[in-house]
């Protein structure tokens, strides 16, 4: 019995000794490391961080943004250098020779030497200096001696320069001038021979009075309206008066302008009311002949046509497209003094 118990104890002891402390195969490992290992595989060496130490936090790198595009500065065009009309170039011009292999055009120069202006007085044909933007008083004094028409591209005019240029005999053009002072207008009013200022869009009444004192053609085609006082001043002008920029006239203005001694150019007038026709038809006949140009008028009423029965000068109505038989009778009484289109002339009795 004792032997059996001893053998049983020994057997149990042997069984226990063979598996002493080895329980890993019977109990599953549910630790976080084991679970994560099964899910992701064995950890790398870098991931073996002791649980007591936390991985240092690294600051996120700032996002790289593309550099802001700066607006490109526009390329500035090189400033044009003023072209000076020199004595040498004028001498070549007078001899009919070329400058730098090109034909010389005086209108392409913006400034002029005093000596060059003096040399131009030898030229007996029209001088066009339409590119000229500035001029000295001595140069103006020389240019005034040119014995032919003179065109200047000046955009500004001082009283001393205006006084010198006003001494020029012949047509004098300043069509790039957009404004003149009263004092400049007074100086230019001393000019004799024709004054072209069609770049002017406005004039004071004082300036109008000054310019009206000039003799010869006075061209102010840039004006679009007049005051009654201005019309009164222009009625005293001795010479042709060009006011083609006007689109309408009052009866008072028509009566004043109808008294001018020279030709009257009113191509911008499109309507001819009876009272306006009555005033213009008083235009006198001068010794050298006189005309009133109304080529913008397209129709003529019977009442307006009646006033043409007593006209003394020639009226141009080339824009007329038709008129009544009654108007034709009125116009036919002065048919030699009325200029109309050929296709309408047969309407005049006696033709």
C-alpha atoms as a PDB file:
ATOM      1  CA  UNK A   1       0.000   0.000   0.000  1.00  0.00           C
ATOM      2  CA  UNK A   2       2.728   2.330   0.870  1.00  0.00           C
ATOM      3  CA  UNK A   3       4.469   1.386  -2.339  1.00  0.00           C
ATOM      4  CA  UNK A   4       1.321   2.150  -4.349  1.00  0.00           C
ATOM      5  CA  UNK A   5       0.954   5.569  -2.717  1.00  0.00           C
ATOM      6  CA  UNK A   6       4.609   6.279  -3.258  1.00  0.00           C
ATOM      7  CA  UNK A   7       4.342   5.348  -6.882  1.00  0.00           C
ATOM      8  CA  UNK A   8       1.222   7.498  -7.289  1.00  0.00           C
ATOM      9  CA  UNK A   9       2.949  10.476  -5.682  1.00  0.00           C
ATOM     10  CA  UNK A  10       6.033   9.954  -7.793  1.00  0.00           C
ATOM     11  CA  UNK A  11       3.963   9.651 -10.936  1.00  0.00           C
ATOM     12  CA  UNK A  12       2.092  12.852 -10.145  1.00  0.00           C
ATOM     13  CA  UNK A  13       5.334  14.533  -9.300  1.00  0.00           C
ATOM     14  CA  UNK A  14       6.893  13.455 -12.562  1.00  0.00           C
ATOM     15  CA  UNK A  15       3.892  14.736 -14.484  1.00  0.00           C
ATOM     16  CA  UNK A  16       4.036  18.058 -12.632  1.00  0.00           C
ATOM     17  CA  UNK A  17       7.779  18.377 -12.991  1.00  0.00           C
ATOM     18  CA  UNK A  18       7.617  17.786 -16.698  1.00  0.00           C
ATOM     19  CA  UNK A  19       5.298  20.823 -17.201  1.00  0.00           C
ATOM     20  CA  UNK A  20       6.226  22.977 -14.269  1.00  0.00           C
ATOM     21  CA  UNK A  21       5.662  26.698 -14.932  1.00  0.00           C
ATOM     22  CA  UNK A  22       4.791  26.115 -18.637  1.00  0.00           C
ATOM     23  CA  UNK A  23       1.252  27.398 -19.036  1.00  0.00           C
ATOM     24  CA  UNK A  24       1.791  29.605 -22.103  1.00  0.00           C
ATOM     25  CA  UNK A  25       0.402  27.044 -24.483  1.00  0.00           C
ATOM     26  CA  UNK A  26      -2.893  26.761 -22.595  1.00  0.00           C
ATOM     27  CA  UNK A  27      -3.592  30.558 -22.005  1.00  0.00           C
ATOM     28  CA  UNK A  28      -3.954  32.923 -24.926  1.00  0.00           C
ATOM     29  CA  UNK A  29      -1.921  36.136 -24.800  1.00  0.00           C
ATOM     30  CA  UNK A  30      -4.384  39.044 -24.800  1.00  0.00           C
ATOM     31  CA  UNK A  31      -1.933  41.840 -24.073  1.00  0.00           C
ATOM     32  CA  UNK A  32      -2.101  45.037 -26.279  1.00  0.00           C
ATOM     33  CA  UNK A  33       1.323  44.255 -27.706  1.00  0.00           C
ATOM     34  CA  UNK A  34       0.309  40.754 -28.698  1.00  0.00           C
ATOM     35  CA  UNK A  35      -2.945  41.879 -30.271  1.00  0.00           C
ATOM     36  CA  UNK A  36      -1.303  44.659 -32.210  1.00  0.00           C
ATOM     37  CA  UNK A  37       1.443  42.236 -33.272  1.00  0.00           C
ATOM     38  CA  UNK A  38      -1.081  39.891 -34.768  1.00  0.00           C
ATOM     39  CA  UNK A  39      -2.749  42.700 -36.605  1.00  0.00           C
ATOM     40  CA  UNK A  40       0.323  44.433 -37.978  1.00  0.00           C
ATOM     41  CA  UNK A  41       3.045  41.895 -37.728  1.00  0.00           C
ATOM     42  CA  UNK A  42       6.143  42.114 -35.619  1.00  0.00           C
ATOM     43  CA  UNK A  43       7.133  45.604 -34.550  1.00  0.00           C
ATOM     44  CA  UNK A  44      10.181  47.208 -36.122  1.00  0.00           C
ATOM     45  CA  UNK A  45      13.143  48.206 -34.097  1.00  0.00           C
ATOM     46  CA  UNK A  46      12.183  51.854 -34.236  1.00  0.00           C
ATOM     47  CA  UNK A  47       8.791  51.021 -32.753  1.00  0.00           C
ATOM     48  CA  UNK A  48      10.323  49.334 -29.622  1.00  0.00           C
ATOM     49  CA  UNK A  49       9.816  52.333 -27.405  1.00  0.00           C
ATOM     50  CA  UNK A  50       9.641  51.725 -23.693  1.00  0.00           C
ATOM     51  CA  UNK A  51       6.086  52.196 -22.488  1.00  0.00           C
ATOM     52  CA  UNK A  52       7.211  54.708 -19.892  1.00  0.00           C
ATOM     53  CA  UNK A  53       8.669  57.061 -22.568  1.00  0.00           C
ATOM     54  CA  UNK A  54       6.489  58.929 -25.042  1.00  0.00           C
ATOM     55  CA  UNK A  55       7.689  59.636 -28.535  1.00  0.00           C
ATOM     56  CA  UNK A  56       8.630  63.312 -28.839  1.00  0.00           C
ATOM     57  CA  UNK A  57       6.153  65.423 -30.720  1.00  0.00           C
ATOM     58  CA  UNK A  58       7.560  66.933 -33.847  1.00  0.00           C
ATOM     59  CA  UNK A  59       6.248  70.272 -35.157  1.00  0.00           C
ATOM     60  CA  UNK A  60       4.527  69.904 -38.518  1.00  0.00           C
ATOM     61  CA  UNK A  61       6.509  71.364 -41.341  1.00  0.00           C
ATOM     62  CA  UNK A  62       4.984  74.517 -42.728  1.00  0.00           C
ATOM     63  CA  UNK A  63       3.191  74.029 -46.002  1.00  0.00           C
ATOM     64  CA  UNK A  64       5.133  75.177 -48.958  1.00  0.00           C
ATOM     65  CA  UNK A  65       3.251  77.770 -50.924  1.00  0.00           C
ATOM     66  CA  UNK A  66       4.175  78.987 -54.359  1.00  0.00           C
ATOM     67  CA  UNK A  67       5.722  82.431 -54.267  1.00  0.00           C
ATOM     68  CA  UNK A  68       3.229  85.148 -55.113  1.00  0.00           C
ATOM     69  CA  UNK A  69       3.508  86.266 -58.675  1.00  0.00           C
ATOM     70  CA  UNK A  70       4.458  89.882 -58.902  1.00  0.00           C
ATOM     71  CA  UNK A  71       2.803  91.846 -61.649  1.00  0.00           C
ATOM     72  CA  UNK A  72       5.146  92.463 -64.481  1.00  0.00           C
ATOM     73  CA  UNK A  73       5.938  96.085 -64.968  1.00  0.00           C
ATOM     74  CA  UNK A  74       4.799  97.232 -68.381  1.00  0.00           C
ATOM     75  CA  UNK A  75       7.600  98.030 -70.665  1.00  0.00           C
ATOM     76  CA  UNK A  76       7.741 101.724 -71.192  1.00  0.00           C
ATOM     77  CA  UNK A  77       8.086 102.791 -74.758  1.00  0.00           C
ATOM     78  CA  UNK A  78      11.184 104.861 -75.280  1.00  0.00           C
ATOM     79  CA  UNK A  79      10.419 108.538 -75.317  1.00  0.00           C
ATOM     80  CA  UNK A  80      10.542 110.033 -78.740  1.00  0.00           C
ATOM     81  CA  UNK A  81      13.299 112.499 -79.009  1.00  0.00           C
ATOM     82  CA  UNK A  82      12.272 115.805 -80.468  1.00  0.00           C
ATOM     83  CA  UNK A  83      13.435 116.205 -84.040  1.00  0.00           C
ATOM     84  CA  UNK A  84      15.076 119.545 -84.583  1.00  0.00           C
ATOM     85  CA  UNK A  85      15.026 121.284 -87.923  1.00  0.00           C
ATOM     86  CA  UNK A  86      18.593 122.531 -88.220  1.00  0.00           C
ATOM     87  CA  UNK A  87      20.241 124.964 -90.575  1.00  0.00           C
ATOM     88  CA  UNK A  88      22.018 122.116 -92.368  1.00  0.00           C
ATOM     89  CA  UNK A  89      18.743 120.257 -93.017  1.00  0.00           C
ATOM     90  CA  UNK A  90      17.040 123.415 -94.311  1.00  0.00           C
ATOM     91  CA  UNK A  91      19.926 124.032 -96.693  1.00  0.00           C
ATOM     92  CA  UNK A  92      19.545 120.489 -98.029  1.00  0.00           C
ATOM     93  CA  UNK A  93      15.801 121.058 -98.316  1.00  0.00           C
ATOM     94  CA  UNK A  94      16.235 124.248-100.328  1.00  0.00           C
ATOM     95  CA  UNK A  95      18.635 122.478-102.693  1.00  0.00           C
ATOM     96  CA  UNK A  96      16.177 119.618-103.126  1.00  0.00           C
ATOM     97  CA  UNK A  97      18.602 117.098-101.641  1.00  0.00           C
ATOM     98  CA  UNK A  98      17.775 114.243 -99.283  1.00  0.00           C
ATOM     99  CA  UNK A  99      18.615 114.032 -95.598  1.00  0.00           C
ATOM    100  CA  UNK A 100      20.009 110.687 -94.400  1.00  0.00           C
ATOM    101  CA  UNK A 101      18.863 109.189 -97.660  1.00  0.00           C
ATOM    102  CA  UNK A 102      15.254 110.331 -97.234  1.00  0.00           C
ATOM    103  CA  UNK A 103      13.126 113.094 -98.658  1.00  0.00           C
ATOM    104  CA  UNK A 104      12.848 116.081 -96.345  1.00  0.00           C
ATOM    105  CA  UNK A 105       9.372 116.898 -95.027  1.00  0.00           C
ATOM    106  CA  UNK A 106       9.384 120.003 -92.881  1.00  0.00           C
ATOM    107  CA  UNK A 107       6.158 118.842 -91.189  1.00  0.00           C
ATOM    108  CA  UNK A 108       8.039 116.032 -89.405  1.00  0.00           C
ATOM    109  CA  UNK A 109      10.144 118.311 -87.182  1.00  0.00           C
ATOM    110  CA  UNK A 110       8.972 119.380 -83.723  1.00  0.00           C
ATOM    111  CA  UNK A 111      11.493 122.149 -83.020  1.00  0.00           C
ATOM    112  CA  UNK A 112      13.425 124.564 -85.162  1.00  0.00           C
ATOM    113  CA  UNK A 113      16.676 126.425 -84.798  1.00  0.00           C
ATOM    114  CA  UNK A 114      16.593 130.194 -85.131  1.00  0.00           C
ATOM    115  CA  UNK A 115      19.135 129.997 -87.965  1.00  0.00           C
ATOM    116  CA  UNK A 116      17.014 127.400 -89.756  1.00  0.00           C
ATOM    117  CA  UNK A 117      13.938 129.638 -89.527  1.00  0.00           C
ATOM    118  CA  UNK A 118      15.913 132.513 -91.003  1.00  0.00           C
ATOM    119  CA  UNK A 119      17.106 130.286 -93.866  1.00  0.00           C
ATOM    120  CA  UNK A 120      13.506 129.265 -94.663  1.00  0.00           C
ATOM    121  CA  UNK A 121      12.725 132.850 -95.677  1.00  0.00           C
ATOM    122  CA  UNK A 122      14.473 132.028 -98.960  1.00  0.00           C
ATOM    123  CA  UNK A 123      11.734 129.516 -99.757  1.00  0.00           C
ATOM    124  CA  UNK A 124       9.104 130.992-102.092  1.00  0.00           C
ATOM    125  CA  UNK A 125       6.547 128.196-101.706  1.00  0.00           C
ATOM    126  CA  UNK A 126       4.183 127.254 -98.852  1.00  0.00           C
ATOM    127  CA  UNK A 127       5.934 126.081 -95.697  1.00  0.00           C
ATOM    128  CA  UNK A 128       4.258 123.364 -93.633  1.00  0.00           C
ATOM    129  CA  UNK A 129       5.618 123.007 -90.115  1.00  0.00           C
ATOM    130  CA  UNK A 130       2.647 121.055 -88.759  1.00  0.00           C
ATOM    131  CA  UNK A 131       4.840 119.058 -86.387  1.00  0.00           C
ATOM    132  CA  UNK A 132       6.249 122.154 -84.717  1.00  0.00           C
ATOM    133  CA  UNK A 133       5.303 122.293 -81.028  1.00  0.00           C
ATOM    134  CA  UNK A 134       7.455 125.159 -79.841  1.00  0.00           C
ATOM    135  CA  UNK A 135       9.081 128.179 -81.347  1.00  0.00           C
ATOM    136  CA  UNK A 136      11.229 131.054 -80.133  1.00  0.00           C
ATOM    137  CA  UNK A 137      10.398 134.690 -80.680  1.00  0.00           C
ATOM    138  CA  UNK A 138      13.365 135.223 -83.082  1.00  0.00           C
ATOM    139  CA  UNK A 139      12.285 132.167 -85.107  1.00  0.00           C
ATOM    140  CA  UNK A 140       8.721 133.519 -85.276  1.00  0.00           C
ATOM    141  CA  UNK A 141      10.068 136.845 -86.491  1.00  0.00           C
ATOM    142  CA  UNK A 142      11.894 135.068 -89.325  1.00  0.00           C
ATOM    143  CA  UNK A 143       8.983 132.827 -90.327  1.00  0.00           C
ATOM    144  CA  UNK A 144       6.725 135.872 -90.570  1.00  0.00           C
ATOM    145  CA  UNK A 145       8.856 137.026 -93.522  1.00  0.00           C
ATOM    146  CA  UNK A 146       8.034 133.958 -95.640  1.00  0.00           C
ATOM    147  CA  UNK A 147       6.304 135.160 -98.805  1.00  0.00           C
ATOM    148  CA  UNK A 148       3.799 132.322 -99.009  1.00  0.00           C
ATOM    149  CA  UNK A 149       1.310 130.359 -96.912  1.00  0.00           C
ATOM    150  CA  UNK A 150       2.545 129.209 -93.514  1.00  0.00           C
ATOM    151  CA  UNK A 151       1.116 126.329 -91.457  1.00  0.00           C
ATOM    152  CA  UNK A 152       2.332 125.777 -87.890  1.00  0.00           C
ATOM    153  CA  UNK A 153       1.449 122.889 -85.566  1.00  0.00           C
ATOM    154  CA  UNK A 154       1.820 124.891 -82.363  1.00  0.00           C
ATOM    155  CA  UNK A 155      -0.417 123.779 -79.493  1.00  0.00           C
ATOM    156  CA  UNK A 156       0.332 126.851 -77.408  1.00  0.00           C
ATOM    157  CA  UNK A 157       0.936 130.425 -78.408  1.00  0.00           C
ATOM    158  CA  UNK A 158       2.287 133.272 -76.307  1.00  0.00           C
ATOM    159  CA  UNK A 159       1.344 136.918 -76.978  1.00  0.00           C
ATOM    160  CA  UNK A 160       4.910 137.928 -78.099  1.00  0.00           C
ATOM    161  CA  UNK A 161       5.137 135.028 -80.582  1.00  0.00           C
ATOM    162  CA  UNK A 162       1.582 135.723 -81.799  1.00  0.00           C
ATOM    163  CA  UNK A 163       2.468 139.368 -82.359  1.00  0.00           C
ATOM    164  CA  UNK A 164       5.452 138.403 -84.540  1.00  0.00           C
ATOM    165  CA  UNK A 165       3.588 135.787 -86.573  1.00  0.00           C
ATOM    166  CA  UNK A 166       0.677 138.176 -87.119  1.00  0.00           C
ATOM    167  CA  UNK A 167       2.995 140.226 -89.331  1.00  0.00           C
ATOM    168  CA  UNK A 168       3.006 137.418 -91.886  1.00  0.00           C
ATOM    169  CA  UNK A 169       1.323 138.244 -95.215  1.00  0.00           C
ATOM    170  CA  UNK A 170      -0.711 135.357 -96.562  1.00  0.00           C
ATOM    171  CA  UNK A 171      -2.599 132.392 -95.168  1.00  0.00           C
ATOM    172  CA  UNK A 172      -1.561 131.592 -91.591  1.00  0.00           C
ATOM    173  CA  UNK A 173      -2.771 128.286 -90.132  1.00  0.00           C
ATOM    174  CA  UNK A 174      -2.846 127.182 -86.480  1.00  0.00           C
ATOM    175  CA  UNK A 175      -5.278 124.287 -86.753  1.00  0.00           C
ATOM    176  CA  UNK A 176      -3.794 122.402 -83.757  1.00  0.00           C
ATOM    177  CA  UNK A 177      -4.490 125.254 -81.358  1.00  0.00           C
ATOM    178  CA  UNK A 178      -7.417 124.280 -79.143  1.00  0.00           C
ATOM    179  CA  UNK A 179      -7.450 127.411 -77.017  1.00  0.00           C
ATOM    180  CA  UNK A 180      -6.289 131.013 -77.258  1.00  0.00           C
ATOM    181  CA  UNK A 181      -6.244 133.675 -74.606  1.00  0.00           C
ATOM    182  CA  UNK A 182      -7.884 137.046 -75.123  1.00  0.00           C
ATOM    183  CA  UNK A 183      -4.469 138.709 -75.453  1.00  0.00           C
ATOM    184  CA  UNK A 184      -3.310 136.210 -78.110  1.00  0.00           C
ATOM    185  CA  UNK A 185      -6.582 136.687 -80.023  1.00  0.00           C
ATOM    186  CA  UNK A 186      -6.008 140.428 -79.971  1.00  0.00           C
ATOM    187  CA  UNK A 187      -2.520 139.989 -81.475  1.00  0.00           C
ATOM    188  CA  UNK A 188      -3.734 137.569 -84.148  1.00  0.00           C
ATOM    189  CA  UNK A 189      -6.512 140.013 -85.007  1.00  0.00           C
ATOM    190  CA  UNK A 190      -3.843 142.239 -86.538  1.00  0.00           C
ATOM    191  CA  UNK A 191      -3.116 139.633 -89.206  1.00  0.00           C
ATOM    192  CA  UNK A 192      -3.975 140.359 -92.821  1.00  0.00           C
ATOM    193  CA  UNK A 193      -4.308 137.672 -95.420  1.00  0.00           C
ATOM    194  CA  UNK A 194      -6.225 134.756 -93.928  1.00  0.00           C
ATOM    195  CA  UNK A 195      -6.311 133.090 -90.517  1.00  0.00           C
ATOM    196  CA  UNK A 196      -7.171 129.413 -89.994  1.00  0.00           C
ATOM    197  CA  UNK A 197      -8.022 128.426 -86.419  1.00  0.00           C
ATOM    198  CA  UNK A 198     -10.346 125.471 -86.901  1.00  0.00           C
ATOM    199  CA  UNK A 199      -8.928 123.636 -83.881  1.00  0.00           C
ATOM    200  CA  UNK A 200     -10.680 126.074 -81.542  1.00  0.00           C
ATOM    201  CA  UNK A 201     -13.896 124.684 -80.062  1.00  0.00           C
ATOM    202  CA  UNK A 202     -14.655 127.583 -77.744  1.00  0.00           C
ATOM    203  CA  UNK A 203     -13.995 131.313 -77.730  1.00  0.00           C
ATOM    204  CA  UNK A 204     -14.732 134.024 -75.257  1.00  0.00           C
ATOM    205  CA  UNK A 205     -16.640 137.012 -76.556  1.00  0.00           C
ATOM    206  CA  UNK A 206     -13.547 139.178 -76.036  1.00  0.00           C
ATOM    207  CA  UNK A 207     -11.406 136.757 -78.073  1.00  0.00           C
ATOM    208  CA  UNK A 208     -14.073 136.704 -80.800  1.00  0.00           C
ATOM    209  CA  UNK A 209     -13.978 140.476 -80.987  1.00  0.00           C
ATOM    210  CA  UNK A 210     -10.196 140.403 -81.323  1.00  0.00           C
ATOM    211  CA  UNK A 211     -10.110 137.772 -84.077  1.00  0.00           C
ATOM    212  CA  UNK A 212     -12.925 139.466 -86.020  1.00  0.00           C
ATOM    213  CA  UNK A 213     -10.577 142.418 -86.633  1.00  0.00           C
ATOM    214  CA  UNK A 214      -8.371 140.318 -88.920  1.00  0.00           C
ATOM    215  CA  UNK A 215      -8.819 140.644 -92.671  1.00  0.00           C
ATOM    216  CA  UNK A 216      -9.073 137.886 -95.238  1.00  0.00           C
ATOM    217  CA  UNK A 217     -10.457 134.427 -94.590  1.00  0.00           C
ATOM    218  CA  UNK A 218     -11.257 133.723 -90.941  1.00  0.00           C
ATOM    219  CA  UNK A 219     -11.830 129.975 -90.497  1.00  0.00           C
ATOM    220  CA  UNK A 220     -13.324 128.899 -87.170  1.00  0.00           C
ATOM    221  CA  UNK A 221     -14.833 125.576 -88.212  1.00  0.00           C
ATOM    222  CA  UNK A 222     -14.382 124.007 -84.771  1.00  0.00           C
ATOM    223  CA  UNK A 223     -16.981 126.251 -83.136  1.00  0.00           C
ATOM    224  CA  UNK A 224     -20.318 124.477 -82.636  1.00  0.00           C
ATOM    225  CA  UNK A 225     -22.280 127.362 -81.155  1.00  0.00           C
ATOM    226  CA  UNK A 226     -22.280 131.152 -81.002  1.00  0.00           C
ATOM    227  CA  UNK A 227     -23.681 133.773 -78.717  1.00  0.00           C
ATOM    228  CA  UNK A 228     -25.609 136.674 -80.203  1.00  0.00           C
ATOM    229  CA  UNK A 229     -22.776 138.953 -79.131  1.00  0.00           C
ATOM    230  CA  UNK A 230     -20.201 136.846 -80.988  1.00  0.00           C
ATOM    231  CA  UNK A 231     -22.344 136.889 -84.127  1.00  0.00           C
ATOM    232  CA  UNK A 232     -22.422 140.660 -83.885  1.00  0.00           C
ATOM    233  CA  UNK A 233     -18.606 140.829 -83.711  1.00  0.00           C
ATOM    234  CA  UNK A 234     -18.157 138.472 -86.652  1.00  0.00           C
ATOM    235  CA  UNK A 235     -20.597 140.514 -88.735  1.00  0.00           C
ATOM    236  CA  UNK A 236     -17.928 143.253 -88.790  1.00  0.00           C
ATOM    237  CA  UNK A 237     -15.247 140.943 -90.159  1.00  0.00           C
ATOM    238  CA  UNK A 238     -13.803 142.105 -93.474  1.00  0.00           C
ATOM    239  CA  UNK A 239     -13.292 138.938 -95.427  1.00  0.00           C
ATOM    240  CA  UNK A 240     -14.709 135.451 -95.831  1.00  0.00           C
ATOM    241  CA  UNK A 241     -16.054 133.816 -92.681  1.00  0.00           C
ATOM    242  CA  UNK A 242     -15.999 130.009 -92.325  1.00  0.00           C
ATOM    243  CA  UNK A 243     -18.245 128.654 -89.569  1.00  0.00           C
ATOM    244  CA  UNK A 244     -18.923 125.149 -90.877  1.00  0.00           C
ATOM    245  CA  UNK A 245     -19.152 123.643 -87.389  1.00  0.00           C
ATOM    246  CA  UNK A 246     -22.401 125.441 -86.556  1.00  0.00           C
ATOM    247  CA  UNK A 247     -25.510 123.272 -86.884  1.00  0.00           C
ATOM    248  CA  UNK A 248     -28.110 125.931 -86.149  1.00  0.00           C
ATOM    249  CA  UNK A 249     -28.570 129.685 -85.925  1.00  0.00           C
ATOM    250  CA  UNK A 250     -31.054 131.942 -84.215  1.00  0.00           C
ATOM    251  CA  UNK A 251     -32.892 134.599 -86.210  1.00  0.00           C
ATOM    252  CA  UNK A 252     -30.783 137.310 -84.565  1.00  0.00           C
ATOM    253  CA  UNK A 253     -27.520 135.547 -85.375  1.00  0.00           C
ATOM    254  CA  UNK A 254     -28.593 134.953 -88.980  1.00  0.00           C
ATOM    255  CA  UNK A 255     -29.426 138.638 -89.396  1.00  0.00           C
ATOM    256  CA  UNK A 256     -26.009 139.678 -88.049  1.00  0.00           C
ATOM    257  CA  UNK A 257     -24.032 137.148 -90.084  1.00  0.00           C
ATOM    258  CA  UNK A 258     -26.022 138.104 -93.151  1.00  0.00           C
ATOM    259  CA  UNK A 259     -24.325 141.500 -93.009  1.00  0.00           C
ATOM    260  CA  UNK A 260     -20.736 140.250 -93.365  1.00  0.00           C
ATOM    261  CA  UNK A 261     -18.883 141.716 -96.335  1.00  0.00           C
ATOM    262  CA  UNK A 262     -17.218 138.500 -97.452  1.00  0.00           C
ATOM    263  CA  UNK A 263     -18.388 134.995 -98.250  1.00  0.00           C
ATOM    264  CA  UNK A 264     -20.183 133.015 -95.579  1.00  0.00           C
ATOM    265  CA  UNK A 265     -19.579 129.269 -95.197  1.00  0.00           C
ATOM    266  CA  UNK A 266     -22.249 127.480 -93.152  1.00  0.00           C
ATOM    267  CA  UNK A 267     -22.082 123.889 -94.394  1.00  0.00           C
ATOM    268  CA  UNK A 268     -23.144 122.469 -91.024  1.00  0.00           C
ATOM    269  CA  UNK A 269     -26.589 124.096 -91.029  1.00  0.00           C
ATOM    270  CA  UNK A 270     -29.129 121.340 -91.749  1.00  0.00           C
ATOM    271  CA  UNK A 271     -32.453 123.142 -91.223  1.00  0.00           C
ATOM    272  CA  UNK A 272     -33.414 126.533 -92.624  1.00  0.00           C
ATOM    273  CA  UNK A 273     -36.394 128.033 -90.802  1.00  0.00           C
ATOM    274  CA  UNK A 274     -38.042 131.032 -92.424  1.00  0.00           C
ATOM    275  CA  UNK A 275     -36.626 133.557 -89.955  1.00  0.00           C
ATOM    276  CA  UNK A 276     -33.086 132.225 -90.480  1.00  0.00           C
ATOM    277  CA  UNK A 277     -33.489 132.287 -94.269  1.00  0.00           C
ATOM    278  CA  UNK A 278     -34.790 135.865 -94.031  1.00  0.00           C
ATOM    279  CA  UNK A 279     -31.677 136.986 -92.137  1.00  0.00           C
ATOM    280  CA  UNK A 280     -29.142 135.239 -94.380  1.00  0.00           C
ATOM    281  CA  UNK A 281     -30.816 136.382 -97.585  1.00  0.00           C
ATOM    282  CA  UNK A 282     -29.863 139.951 -96.701  1.00  0.00           C
ATOM    283  CA  UNK A 283     -26.232 139.106 -97.394  1.00  0.00           C
ATOM    284  CA  UNK A 284     -24.837 141.885 -99.619  1.00  0.00           C
ATOM    285  CA  UNK A 285     -23.245 141.500-103.008  1.00  0.00           C
ATOM    286  CA  UNK A 286     -19.651 142.759-102.919  1.00  0.00           C
ATOM    287  CA  UNK A 287     -17.623 144.088-105.817  1.00  0.00           C
ATOM    288  CA  UNK A 288     -15.666 140.868-106.100  1.00  0.00           C
ATOM    289  CA  UNK A 289     -18.762 138.696-105.775  1.00  0.00           C
ATOM    290  CA  UNK A 290     -19.997 137.027-102.637  1.00  0.00           C
ATOM    291  CA  UNK A 291     -21.460 133.652-101.733  1.00  0.00           C
ATOM    292  CA  UNK A 292     -23.365 131.965 -98.935  1.00  0.00           C
ATOM    293  CA  UNK A 293     -22.807 128.207 -98.746  1.00  0.00           C
ATOM    294  CA  UNK A 294     -25.594 126.146 -97.163  1.00  0.00           C
ATOM    295  CA  UNK A 295     -24.790 122.737 -98.626  1.00  0.00           C
ATOM    296  CA  UNK A 296     -26.041 120.912 -95.508  1.00  0.00           C
ATOM    297  CA  UNK A 297     -29.648 122.016 -96.011  1.00  0.00           C
ATOM    298  CA  UNK A 298     -31.693 119.159 -97.507  1.00  0.00           C
ATOM    299  CA  UNK A 299     -35.176 120.677 -97.639  1.00  0.00           C
ATOM    300  CA  UNK A 300     -36.605 124.135 -98.223  1.00  0.00           C
ATOM    301  CA  UNK A 301     -40.063 125.226 -97.137  1.00  0.00           C
ATOM    302  CA  UNK A 302     -42.258 127.407 -99.323  1.00  0.00           C
ATOM    303  CA  UNK A 303     -42.061 130.211 -96.747  1.00  0.00           C
ATOM    304  CA  UNK A 304     -38.259 130.117 -96.629  1.00  0.00           C
ATOM    305  CA  UNK A 305     -37.963 129.953-100.425  1.00  0.00           C
ATOM    306  CA  UNK A 306     -39.865 133.241-100.776  1.00  0.00           C
ATOM    307  CA  UNK A 307     -36.961 135.131 -99.208  1.00  0.00           C
ATOM    308  CA  UNK A 308     -34.655 133.986-102.011  1.00  0.00           C
ATOM    309  CA  UNK A 309     -36.570 136.122-104.498  1.00  0.00           C
ATOM    310  CA  UNK A 310     -34.628 139.229-103.513  1.00  0.00           C
ATOM    311  CA  UNK A 311     -31.137 137.881-102.863  1.00  0.00           C
ATOM    312  CA  UNK A 312     -28.143 139.759-104.243  1.00  0.00           C
ATOM    313  CA  UNK A 313     -25.369 137.172-103.799  1.00  0.00           C
ATOM    314  CA  UNK A 314     -24.990 133.557-104.875  1.00  0.00           C
ATOM    315  CA  UNK A 315     -26.421 130.883-102.599  1.00  0.00           C
ATOM    316  CA  UNK A 316     -25.122 127.305-102.731  1.00  0.00           C
ATOM    317  CA  UNK A 317     -27.782 124.755-101.814  1.00  0.00           C
ATOM    318  CA  UNK A 318     -26.139 121.646-103.233  1.00  0.00           C
ATOM    319  CA  UNK A 319     -27.607 119.430-100.508  1.00  0.00           C
ATOM    320  CA  UNK A 320     -31.225 120.038-101.530  1.00  0.00           C
ATOM    321  CA  UNK A 321     -32.982 116.807-102.510  1.00  0.00           C
ATOM    322  CA  UNK A 322     -36.395 118.201-103.370  1.00  0.00           C
ATOM    323  CA  UNK A 323     -38.722 121.200-103.079  1.00  0.00           C
ATOM    324  CA  UNK A 324     -42.299 122.034-103.928  1.00  0.00           C
ATOM    325  CA  UNK A 325     -43.504 123.687-107.143  1.00  0.00           C
ATOM    326  CA  UNK A 326     -44.208 126.853-105.219  1.00  0.00           C
ATOM    327  CA  UNK A 327     -40.654 126.892-103.850  1.00  0.00           C
ATOM    328  CA  UNK A 328     -39.384 126.280-107.392  1.00  0.00           C
ATOM    329  CA  UNK A 329     -41.229 129.396-108.582  1.00  0.00           C
ATOM    330  CA  UNK A 330     -39.540 131.483-105.893  1.00  0.00           C
ATOM    331  CA  UNK A 331     -36.101 130.092-106.658  1.00  0.00           C
ATOM    332  CA  UNK A 332     -36.552 130.494-110.407  1.00  0.00           C
ATOM    333  CA  UNK A 333     -36.713 134.274-110.097  1.00  0.00           C
ATOM    334  CA  UNK A 334     -33.044 134.245-109.095  1.00  0.00           C
ATOM    335  CA  UNK A 335     -32.028 131.070-110.844  1.00  0.00           C
ATOM    336  CA  UNK A 336     -28.620 132.432-111.872  1.00  0.00           C
ATOM    337  CA  UNK A 337     -27.795 133.101-108.224  1.00  0.00           C
ATOM    338  CA  UNK A 338     -28.897 129.714-106.911  1.00  0.00           C
ATOM    339  CA  UNK A 339     -26.582 126.727-107.214  1.00  0.00           C
ATOM    340  CA  UNK A 340     -28.377 123.383-106.832  1.00  0.00           C
ATOM    341  CA  UNK A 341     -27.908 119.847-108.104  1.00  0.00           C
ATOM    342  CA  UNK A 342     -28.279 119.377-111.847  1.00  0.00           C
ATOM    343  CA  UNK A 343     -31.119 116.838-111.458  1.00  0.00           C
ATOM    344  CA  UNK A 344     -33.196 119.510-109.693  1.00  0.00           C
ATOM    345  CA  UNK A 345     -32.382 122.400-111.963  1.00  0.00           C
ATOM    346  CA  UNK A 346     -35.033 121.386-114.499  1.00  0.00           C
ATOM    347  CA  UNK A 347     -37.618 122.219-111.817  1.00  0.00           C
ATOM    348  CA  UNK A 348     -36.765 125.885-112.105  1.00  0.00           C
ATOM    349  CA  UNK A 349     -38.996 127.587-114.639  1.00  0.00           C
ATOM    350  CA  UNK A 350     -37.269 128.983-117.678  1.00  0.00           C
ATOM    351  CA  UNK A 351     -34.590 126.235-117.741  1.00  0.00           C
END
